[in-house]
């Protein structure tokens, strides 16, 4: 039963509750905004990686086609 009271520590703050509420609300909102921005950037990067992989596969296929055409042309 050692961990039951974790997070329920009652702290005595010197500042009035009205200021603490404002501070903690801003802190939470800033953290939330920061997390959402990072999540958005990560999604953009994942999309870019997927696009580049698809593009790479397309160009590799095109290279194989051209090599095949060149091989047929070169043999004639």
Protein backbone atom coordinates (compact mmCIF):
# COMPACT_ATOMS: atom_id res chain seq x y z
CA UNK A 1 0.00 0.00 0.00
CA UNK A 2 2.99 2.28 -0.45
CA UNK A 3 1.92 3.90 -3.72
CA UNK A 4 -1.72 4.63 -2.98
CA UNK A 5 -1.25 8.24 -1.92
CA UNK A 6 0.88 9.25 -4.88
CA UNK A 7 -0.51 12.44 -6.39
CA UNK A 8 -2.73 13.25 -3.44
CA UNK A 9 -0.11 15.21 -1.54
CA UNK A 10 -1.77 18.35 -0.26
CA UNK A 11 0.67 21.21 -0.73
CA UNK A 12 0.38 24.59 0.86
CA UNK A 13 0.98 27.24 -1.78
CA UNK A 14 1.89 30.80 -0.82
CA UNK A 15 0.12 32.35 -3.80
CA UNK A 16 -3.64 32.87 -3.79
CA UNK A 17 -5.72 30.21 -5.58
CA UNK A 18 -6.94 32.64 -8.28
CA UNK A 19 -3.35 33.18 -9.45
CA UNK A 20 -2.50 29.49 -9.20
CA UNK A 21 -5.53 28.51 -11.28
CA UNK A 22 -4.51 30.96 -14.00
CA UNK A 23 -0.91 29.75 -13.93
CA UNK A 24 -1.77 26.05 -14.06
CA UNK A 25 -4.37 26.58 -16.79
CA UNK A 26 -1.87 28.47 -18.97
CA UNK A 27 0.76 25.84 -18.29
CA UNK A 28 -1.60 23.05 -19.35
CA UNK A 29 -2.72 24.93 -22.46
CA UNK A 30 0.88 25.69 -23.49
CA UNK A 31 1.84 22.06 -23.09
CA UNK A 32 -1.21 20.95 -25.04
CA UNK A 33 -0.48 23.38 -27.89
CA UNK A 34 3.15 22.31 -28.01
CA UNK A 35 2.16 18.64 -28.17
CA UNK A 36 -0.42 19.27 -30.91
CA UNK A 37 2.15 21.20 -32.99
CA UNK A 38 4.65 18.36 -32.67
CA UNK A 39 1.98 15.82 -33.58
CA UNK A 40 1.11 17.86 -36.69
CA UNK A 41 4.77 18.13 -37.73
CA UNK A 42 5.22 14.40 -37.25
CA UNK A 43 2.20 13.68 -39.46
CA UNK A 44 3.60 15.98 -42.17
CA UNK A 45 6.96 14.20 -42.02
CA UNK A 46 5.29 10.78 -42.23
CA UNK A 47 3.34 11.92 -45.29
CA UNK A 48 6.49 13.30 -46.88
CA UNK A 49 8.37 10.04 -46.26
CA UNK A 50 5.52 8.03 -47.78
CA UNK A 51 5.49 10.33 -50.82
CA UNK A 52 9.26 10.08 -51.29
CA UNK A 53 9.22 6.28 -50.97
CA UNK A 54 6.45 6.07 -53.57
CA UNK A 55 8.35 8.44 -55.86
CA UNK A 56 11.55 6.42 -55.43
CA UNK A 57 9.74 3.20 -56.33
CA UNK A 58 8.26 4.89 -59.41
CA UNK A 59 11.68 6.12 -60.59
CA UNK A 60 13.29 2.73 -59.95
CA UNK A 61 10.57 1.13 -62.10
CA UNK A 62 11.15 3.72 -64.82
CA UNK A 63 14.90 3.06 -64.73
CA UNK A 64 14.30 -0.66 -65.19
CA UNK A 65 11.99 0.06 -68.14
CA UNK A 66 14.56 2.32 -69.77
CA UNK A 67 17.36 -0.18 -69.18
CA UNK A 68 15.20 -2.85 -70.81
CA UNK A 69 14.47 -0.56 -73.79
CA UNK A 70 18.11 0.36 -74.09
CA UNK A 71 19.10 -3.31 -73.95
CA UNK A 72 16.71 -4.15 -76.79
CA UNK A 73 17.86 -1.14 -78.83
CA UNK A 74 21.54 -1.84 -78.13
CA UNK A 75 21.30 -5.48 -79.29
CA UNK A 76 19.92 -4.53 -82.72
